[in-house]
Amino acid sequence: MTAQPHDFVLGETPLPEKNLRAIRAALVIPQDREAFDAGLKAVLDEVRVSLDLSALNTFVHRWWISACDSVRDPEGRRQMHNRAEQVLAGGPRTEGKPWREILAARGIDM
């Protein structure tokens, strides 16, 4: 038997289930929810044309990772968005850790 995403617990907070409703509910940062909604619309449009669900499966997996990160470290997500906005506005760019390393440190296995 294999473990499902909802079987894992990080600290006291369980990870969200790997479905669209649970993922969206776990996204506590407004920028994440807005990007999720826009991306979902785009991927559903793509699926309607291609009739290939692989794009939707990829979308769900990628956003599940972000939802897990949001559950684990909402303040870190806020800081990430704030830094991104500063860089896009022309502010200084700092080099940090690779995102895979950050997620691994938070117990989120890719």
Protein backbone atom coordinates (compact mmCIF):
# COMPACT_ATOMS: atom_id res chain seq x y z
CA MET A 1 0.00 0.00 0.00
CA THR A 2 1.32 3.45 -0.85
CA ALA A 3 0.87 6.55 1.23
CA GLN A 4 -1.42 9.22 -0.09
CA PRO A 5 -0.76 12.97 0.32
CA HIS A 6 -3.37 13.29 3.06
CA ASP A 7 -1.64 10.53 5.07
CA PHE A 8 1.36 12.73 5.86
CA VAL A 9 1.44 15.16 8.74
CA LEU A 10 4.00 17.94 9.15
CA GLY A 11 4.01 18.98 12.78
CA GLU A 12 0.39 19.37 13.80
CA THR A 13 -0.96 20.47 10.43
CA PRO A 14 -1.99 17.79 7.92
CA LEU A 15 -1.14 18.37 4.29
CA PRO A 16 -4.05 19.18 1.99
CA GLU A 17 -5.59 16.44 -0.10
CA LYS A 18 -4.50 16.38 -3.71
CA ASN A 19 -7.67 17.76 -5.28
CA LEU A 20 -8.59 21.18 -6.63
CA ARG A 21 -10.94 22.18 -3.79
CA ALA A 22 -8.51 21.23 -1.01
CA ILE A 23 -5.58 22.82 -2.79
CA ARG A 24 -7.39 26.13 -3.29
CA ALA A 25 -8.60 26.14 0.32
CA ALA A 26 -5.00 25.69 1.53
CA LEU A 27 -3.75 28.70 -0.43
CA VAL A 28 -3.94 31.41 2.23
CA ILE A 29 -2.00 34.08 0.33
CA PRO A 30 -4.20 36.14 -2.04
CA GLN A 31 -1.54 36.14 -4.79
CA ASP A 32 -1.46 32.34 -4.70
CA ARG A 33 -5.25 32.05 -4.97
CA GLU A 34 -5.35 34.55 -7.84
CA ALA A 35 -2.61 32.69 -9.72
CA PHE A 36 -4.33 29.35 -9.03
CA ASP A 37 -7.67 30.62 -10.37
CA ALA A 38 -6.10 32.11 -13.50
CA GLY A 39 -4.00 29.00 -14.09
CA LEU A 40 -6.97 26.68 -13.59
CA LYS A 41 -9.00 28.60 -16.16
CA ALA A 42 -6.13 28.39 -18.64
CA VAL A 43 -5.49 24.68 -18.09
CA LEU A 44 -9.20 23.83 -18.37
CA ASP A 45 -9.34 25.75 -21.66
CA GLU A 46 -6.32 23.73 -22.83
CA VAL A 47 -7.95 20.45 -21.78
CA ARG A 48 -11.18 21.34 -23.61
CA VAL A 49 -9.23 21.77 -26.84
CA SER A 50 -6.73 18.92 -26.49
CA LEU A 51 -8.94 16.44 -24.60
CA ASP A 52 -5.74 15.45 -22.78
CA LEU A 53 -5.89 15.47 -18.98
CA SER A 54 -2.12 15.36 -18.48
CA ALA A 55 -1.97 19.17 -18.34
CA LEU A 56 -4.57 19.17 -15.56
CA ASN A 57 -2.71 16.44 -13.67
CA THR A 58 0.50 18.48 -13.89
CA PHE A 59 -1.36 21.60 -12.72
CA VAL A 60 -2.82 19.76 -9.71
CA HIS A 61 0.56 18.34 -8.73
CA ARG A 62 2.39 21.67 -8.99
CA TRP A 63 -0.27 23.55 -7.04
CA TRP A 64 -0.46 20.80 -4.43
CA ILE A 65 3.24 21.45 -3.73
CA SER A 66 2.49 25.17 -3.29
CA ALA A 67 -0.50 24.36 -1.08
CA CYS A 68 1.67 22.13 1.11
CA ASP A 69 4.17 24.97 1.40
CA SER A 70 1.38 27.40 2.24
CA VAL A 71 0.12 25.12 5.02
CA ARG A 72 3.61 24.56 6.37
CA ASP A 73 4.89 28.15 6.21
CA PRO A 74 2.30 30.82 5.32
CA GLU A 75 4.60 33.61 6.50
CA GLY A 76 7.35 32.30 4.24
CA ARG A 77 4.93 32.41 1.30
CA ARG A 78 4.05 36.04 2.16
CA GLN A 79 7.72 36.95 2.30
CA MET A 80 8.34 35.20 -1.02
CA HIS A 81 5.59 37.23 -2.70
CA ASN A 82 6.83 40.45 -1.11
CA ARG A 83 10.39 39.81 -2.35
CA ALA A 84 9.09 38.98 -5.83
CA GLU A 85 7.10 42.23 -5.95
CA GLN A 86 10.18 44.19 -4.87
CA VAL A 87 12.34 42.56 -7.57
CA LEU A 88 9.68 43.18 -10.22
CA ALA A 89 9.57 46.82 -9.13
CA GLY A 90 13.31 47.09 -9.74
CA GLY A 91 14.49 46.45 -6.20
CA PRO A 92 17.66 44.58 -5.33
CA ARG A 93 17.76 40.90 -6.14
CA THR A 94 19.18 38.54 -3.55
CA GLU A 95 20.21 34.98 -4.21
CA GLY A 96 18.67 32.48 -1.85
CA LYS A 97 18.40 28.73 -1.67
CA PRO A 98 16.95 26.75 -4.58
CA TRP A 99 13.20 26.19 -4.12
CA ARG A 100 13.61 22.40 -4.18
CA GLU A 101 15.99 22.66 -1.22
CA ILE A 102 13.57 24.91 0.68
CA LEU A 103 10.64 22.55 0.10
CA ALA A 104 12.74 19.52 1.08
CA ALA A 105 13.68 21.26 4.33
CA ARG A 106 9.95 21.72 4.99
CA GLY A 107 9.34 18.02 4.47
CA ILE A 108 7.71 18.31 1.06
CA ASP A 109 9.08 15.63 -1.23
CA MET A 110 8.98 16.31 -4.92
